[in-house]
Amino acid sequence: MSKTLQFSVFTNLRLASEFYTPAHSKNGVNVSQRLQVNAYLNENRRGSAEDKSEAISLTAWGKGADILAWTLTPGKEFTVFADLNVYKAPVYHNNQPVSINGEVLMRKAYGYTIRRFDLGNDSFKHIMDEIQRGARGVNWWVKGSPDAQNFKATLDARMAQVGTFNAQANAQSFGFANVKLPAYSYSAFVPNQPAAMNQPSATPVGAATTPEAVAASFGAIPKMNAPINPAQSFVMPQVQVAPQFAAQTSGGMTTPGISIPAGV
C-alpha cells in the first residue's frame, strides 16, 4: 500500500504568543525542550471580499525551540514548513478532564510540528519599543553604522543564550517566550541520554482569544520590503539531544547561571 506524503507550508505568519517548556525527564524518559507558538494569519474566505484573521498552533522542539524563543519577537513575521500530527487528547471542562464511568474521555486533536522556518521582519511596534528602551539605535538598519553594529551585537548576545536555560534566571521567560512548566510530575533531564521529541503536546495550544486582541498585541504593521536573510533560515533536525541539567532542586531544574547583557 502506498503511503500518503503530506507537508504544510504557512507563509507570512505573525507571532501572537509563545510558551517555552524546558527539557526534563518524564517517568525516566527524557523529553526535549519545546516551544508552543500561536501564530496570527490572514486568509481570504471564499465568498468574501475581506481578509479574515485566524490563529494557528505550532510546536518546535530541541535546539529549534531555543532559537525561535530568542528570535520570535512579538508580532514578528515568519514562514514555517511543518508536519501535521493527529493524536488523542483528553476532553476538558473548567480545566478538568471529563470522565465517564471513571474513564477519561478522549478526542482527536491536531497539531503542527515545525521542520523549518524562515524569519521575516519585526513588527513596527516592537521596533519602536526597542528603540525607546535603548535595545537598538534609530539607525540600526543602516549597514555599517554604529547603531547597526551594536544591534548585531545584541542579536549575537541573544543567540548565545541558546541551550542555556536556567530554572532560576528563566523562571518567567526564556528569550521572548513565557516559560510553561509541565503540568505532570517530572524530574531533571538525564545527561547523555537521547531526548524524546517530535511528539505532539498532550494539551494543544489555545488559539488567541480574538483577532482584534492578537492585532492589538503588536499594533500596526507597515509594509517593509527588506528581504529575508538566508542566514535566518533554519532546518529543524530530525534528532536532537536537549541540554543537560543538573540535579533537580526544590526550586526546579537548574543549570549553571548565565549573564544576559543589558538591553538584550
Protein backbone atom coordinates (compact mmCIF):
# COMPACT_ATOMS: atom_id res chain seq x y z
CA MET A 1 0.00 0.00 0.00
CA SER A 2 1.37 3.41 -0.94
CA LYS A 3 1.79 5.94 1.86
CA THR A 4 0.49 9.48 1.88
CA LEU A 5 3.07 12.24 1.86
CA GLN A 6 1.96 15.49 3.41
CA PHE A 7 3.75 18.71 4.19
CA SER A 8 2.26 22.03 5.27
CA VAL A 9 3.64 25.48 4.48
CA PHE A 10 2.43 28.62 6.25
CA THR A 11 3.76 31.90 4.89
CA ASN A 12 3.73 35.42 6.31
CA LEU A 13 2.61 34.42 9.78
CA ARG A 14 2.79 36.90 12.65
CA LEU A 15 3.66 35.84 16.18
CA ALA A 16 0.80 36.16 18.67
CA SER A 17 2.21 34.33 21.71
CA GLU A 18 4.74 31.63 22.61
CA PHE A 19 5.32 29.29 25.56
CA TYR A 20 8.60 27.51 26.33
CA THR A 21 8.82 24.21 28.23
CA PRO A 22 12.40 23.27 29.25
CA ALA A 23 13.93 19.85 28.73
CA HIS A 24 13.08 17.39 31.50
CA SER A 25 12.53 13.72 32.26
CA LYS A 26 9.06 12.14 32.49
CA ASN A 27 8.82 8.68 34.05
CA GLY A 28 12.50 8.12 33.32
CA VAL A 29 12.24 9.20 29.68
CA ASN A 30 13.91 12.42 28.56
CA VAL A 31 11.71 14.98 26.86
CA SER A 32 13.33 17.66 24.72
CA GLN A 33 12.64 21.36 25.22
CA ARG A 34 9.55 22.57 23.39
CA LEU A 35 8.20 25.87 22.12
CA GLN A 36 4.45 26.18 21.60
CA VAL A 37 3.60 29.01 19.22
CA ASN A 38 0.34 30.78 18.50
CA ALA A 39 0.69 32.43 15.10
CA TYR A 40 -1.59 35.01 13.59
CA LEU A 41 -2.53 34.61 9.93
CA ASN A 42 -4.72 36.37 7.39
CA GLU A 43 -6.76 34.49 4.84
CA ASN A 44 -9.35 35.37 2.26
CA ARG A 45 -12.54 33.43 2.92
CA ARG A 46 -14.40 32.03 -0.07
CA GLY A 47 -17.31 34.25 -0.96
CA SER A 48 -15.91 37.20 0.99
CA ALA A 49 -14.03 40.21 -0.30
CA GLU A 50 -12.38 40.82 3.07
CA ASP A 51 -9.46 39.05 4.71
CA LYS A 52 -10.27 37.14 7.87
CA SER A 53 -7.92 36.78 10.81
CA GLU A 54 -7.24 33.43 12.46
CA ALA A 55 -4.69 31.89 14.81
CA ILE A 56 -2.84 28.61 14.30
CA SER A 57 -0.87 26.50 16.80
CA LEU A 58 2.64 25.23 16.03
CA THR A 59 5.30 23.35 18.01
CA ALA A 60 9.10 23.43 17.76
CA TRP A 61 11.43 21.00 19.54
CA GLY A 62 15.07 20.85 20.64
CA LYS A 63 17.57 23.46 19.51
CA GLY A 64 14.99 24.92 17.13
CA ALA A 65 12.76 25.70 20.12
CA ASP A 66 15.60 27.64 21.76
CA ILE A 67 16.43 29.57 18.59
CA LEU A 68 12.83 30.56 17.99
CA ALA A 69 12.37 31.57 21.64
CA TRP A 70 15.18 34.13 21.21
CA THR A 71 14.28 35.31 17.69
CA LEU A 72 10.46 35.32 17.52
CA THR A 73 9.82 38.82 18.81
CA PRO A 74 6.23 39.98 19.43
CA GLY A 75 4.43 40.34 16.11
CA LYS A 76 7.40 39.12 14.06
CA GLU A 77 6.74 37.83 10.55
CA PHE A 78 7.87 34.30 9.73
CA THR A 79 7.25 31.30 7.46
CA VAL A 80 7.24 27.66 8.56
CA PHE A 81 7.31 24.24 6.92
CA ALA A 82 5.55 21.79 9.22
CA ASP A 83 4.25 18.24 9.63
CA LEU A 84 0.63 17.62 10.60
CA ASN A 85 0.20 15.49 13.75
CA VAL A 86 -3.04 13.70 14.62
CA TYR A 87 -3.32 12.38 18.17
CA LYS A 88 -5.71 11.78 21.06
CA ALA A 89 -6.10 14.32 23.85
CA PRO A 90 -8.34 14.50 26.95
CA VAL A 91 -11.59 16.43 26.81
CA TYR A 92 -11.56 19.26 29.37
CA HIS A 93 -14.34 21.18 31.11
CA ASN A 94 -13.50 24.01 33.50
CA ASN A 95 -9.82 23.00 33.21
CA GLN A 96 -10.60 19.47 34.42
CA PRO A 97 -10.55 16.27 32.30
CA VAL A 98 -14.00 14.83 31.67
CA SER A 99 -14.52 11.22 32.80
CA ILE A 100 -17.28 8.72 32.04
CA ASN A 101 -17.55 5.74 34.40
CA GLY A 102 -14.04 6.52 35.66
CA GLU A 103 -12.50 6.64 32.18
CA VAL A 104 -11.16 9.91 30.78
CA LEU A 105 -12.99 10.98 27.64
CA MET A 106 -10.59 11.42 24.70
CA ARG A 107 -10.91 13.34 21.44
CA LYS A 108 -8.99 13.56 18.20
CA ALA A 109 -6.65 16.55 18.18
CA TYR A 110 -4.40 18.13 15.58
CA GLY A 111 -1.11 19.95 15.74
CA TYR A 112 1.81 21.02 13.55
CA THR A 113 5.50 20.26 14.20
CA ILE A 114 7.86 22.85 12.73
CA ARG A 115 10.55 21.32 10.49
CA ARG A 116 11.96 24.52 9.01
CA PHE A 117 11.39 28.22 9.48
CA ASP A 118 12.36 31.44 7.73
CA LEU A 119 12.37 34.65 9.75
CA GLY A 120 10.98 37.88 8.32
CA ASN A 121 10.55 41.41 9.63
CA ASP A 122 9.97 42.58 13.18
CA SER A 123 6.73 44.42 13.81
CA PHE A 124 6.82 48.21 13.71
CA LYS A 125 5.56 48.38 17.30
CA HIS A 126 8.35 46.09 18.55
CA ILE A 127 10.99 48.09 16.70
CA MET A 128 9.73 51.31 18.26
CA ASP A 129 9.63 49.70 21.70
CA GLU A 130 13.27 48.56 21.40
CA ILE A 131 14.41 51.96 20.18
CA GLN A 132 12.66 53.68 23.09
CA ARG A 133 14.30 51.43 25.68
CA GLY A 134 17.72 51.58 24.02
CA ALA A 135 17.91 47.99 22.75
CA ARG A 136 18.58 49.30 19.22
CA GLY A 137 19.59 52.64 17.80
CA VAL A 138 17.48 54.66 15.39
CA ASN A 139 19.92 53.85 12.56
CA TRP A 140 20.01 50.12 13.30
CA TRP A 141 19.03 49.40 9.66
CA VAL A 142 21.88 51.44 8.11
CA LYS A 143 24.57 48.95 7.11
CA GLY A 144 27.95 49.66 8.71
CA SER A 145 26.64 52.33 11.08
CA PRO A 146 27.46 52.18 14.81
CA ASP A 147 23.77 51.52 15.54
CA ALA A 148 23.74 48.59 13.11
CA GLN A 149 26.91 47.15 14.64
CA ASN A 150 25.54 47.49 18.16
CA PHE A 151 22.26 45.87 17.17
CA LYS A 152 24.15 43.00 15.52
CA ALA A 153 26.00 42.51 18.80
CA THR A 154 22.64 42.43 20.60
CA LEU A 155 21.34 39.74 18.24
CA ASP A 156 24.54 37.72 18.73
CA ALA A 157 24.13 38.02 22.50
CA ARG A 158 20.59 36.68 22.24
CA MET A 159 21.66 33.72 20.13
CA ALA A 160 24.42 32.97 22.64
CA GLN A 161 21.64 32.10 25.13
CA VAL A 162 20.51 29.11 23.04
CA GLY A 163 20.89 25.96 25.13
CA THR A 164 21.46 27.86 28.39
CA PHE A 165 18.05 27.63 30.10
CA ASN A 166 18.34 28.30 33.81
CA ALA A 167 15.43 27.47 36.12
CA GLN A 168 16.07 30.45 38.37
CA ALA A 169 17.11 33.10 35.83
CA ASN A 170 14.41 31.99 33.39
CA ALA A 171 11.62 31.22 35.82
CA GLN A 172 9.23 33.56 33.99
CA SER A 173 10.59 33.82 30.47
CA PHE A 174 13.22 32.43 28.13
CA GLY A 175 14.02 34.84 25.34
CA PHE A 176 10.70 36.30 24.21
CA ALA A 177 8.69 33.25 25.30
CA ASN A 178 6.83 32.73 28.56
CA VAL A 179 8.05 29.69 30.48
CA LYS A 180 5.43 26.99 30.95
CA LEU A 181 6.48 24.02 33.09
CA PRO A 182 4.88 20.60 32.53
CA ALA A 183 1.59 20.00 34.33
CA TYR A 184 2.58 16.42 35.16
CA SER A 185 5.22 15.10 37.57
CA TYR A 186 8.72 15.39 36.13
CA SER A 187 12.38 15.37 37.13
CA ALA A 188 15.69 16.67 35.82
CA PHE A 189 16.93 15.86 32.34
CA VAL A 190 19.20 12.77 32.43
CA PRO A 191 22.64 13.53 30.94
CA ASN A 192 23.92 11.50 27.98
CA GLN A 193 20.52 10.03 27.24
CA PRO A 194 18.68 10.87 23.98
CA ALA A 195 15.61 13.01 24.38
CA ALA A 196 12.16 12.13 23.14
CA MET A 197 10.99 14.74 20.68
CA ASN A 198 8.76 15.31 17.67
CA GLN A 199 5.79 14.17 19.73
CA PRO A 200 2.58 16.22 19.87
CA SER A 201 1.82 18.13 23.03
CA ALA A 202 -0.65 16.43 25.38
CA THR A 203 -2.56 19.70 25.56
CA PRO A 204 -2.89 21.72 22.33
CA VAL A 205 -2.04 25.39 22.49
CA GLY A 206 -5.12 27.58 22.80
CA ALA A 207 -5.75 29.98 19.96
CA ALA A 208 -5.73 33.70 20.59
CA THR A 209 -9.00 34.96 22.02
CA THR A 210 -9.97 37.23 19.15
CA PRO A 211 -8.23 38.53 16.04
CA GLU A 212 -8.56 42.03 17.45
CA ALA A 213 -6.76 41.02 20.65
CA VAL A 214 -3.91 39.49 18.68
CA ALA A 215 -3.65 42.51 16.41
CA ALA A 216 -3.57 44.82 19.41
CA SER A 217 -0.68 42.82 20.88
CA PHE A 218 1.67 44.02 18.15
CA GLY A 219 -0.02 47.14 16.79
CA ALA A 220 0.02 48.48 13.26
CA ILE A 221 2.43 46.71 10.92
CA PRO A 222 3.64 48.79 7.97
CA LYS A 223 4.89 47.02 4.87
CA MET A 224 8.66 46.56 4.99
CA ASN A 225 10.48 45.42 1.86
CA ALA A 226 13.65 44.09 3.44
CA PRO A 227 14.36 40.60 2.01
CA ILE A 228 14.68 37.55 4.23
CA ASN A 229 18.31 36.84 5.02
CA PRO A 230 19.30 33.23 4.14
CA ALA A 231 21.19 33.18 7.44
CA GLN A 232 17.84 33.48 9.18
CA SER A 233 16.65 30.19 7.69
CA PHE A 234 16.84 27.12 9.92
CA VAL A 235 16.00 23.48 9.21
CA MET A 236 14.76 21.51 12.21
CA PRO A 237 16.96 18.44 12.82
CA GLN A 238 15.31 15.04 12.83
CA VAL A 239 17.14 14.01 16.01
CA GLN A 240 18.09 16.38 18.77
CA VAL A 241 19.55 15.97 22.24
CA ALA A 242 18.35 18.51 24.75
CA PRO A 243 20.65 20.48 27.08
CA GLN A 244 21.91 18.70 30.17
CA PHE A 245 20.51 19.76 33.51
CA ALA A 246 21.94 19.40 36.99
CA ALA A 247 20.07 17.51 39.69
CA GLN A 248 16.59 18.77 40.49
CA THR A 249 16.20 21.02 43.50
CA SER A 250 13.16 22.19 45.41
CA GLY A 251 13.07 25.18 43.07
CA GLY A 252 13.04 23.02 39.94
CA MET A 253 15.65 22.11 37.36
CA THR A 254 18.92 24.02 37.48
CA THR A 255 21.83 24.76 35.18
CA PRO A 256 24.89 26.95 35.62
CA GLY A 257 23.96 30.62 35.80
CA ILE A 258 24.10 32.83 32.76
CA SER A 259 24.57 36.53 32.30
CA ILE A 260 22.47 38.36 29.71
CA PRO A 261 23.85 41.73 28.59
CA ALA A 262 21.80 44.80 29.45
CA GLY A 263 19.34 45.76 26.78
CA VAL A 264 19.06 42.26 25.38
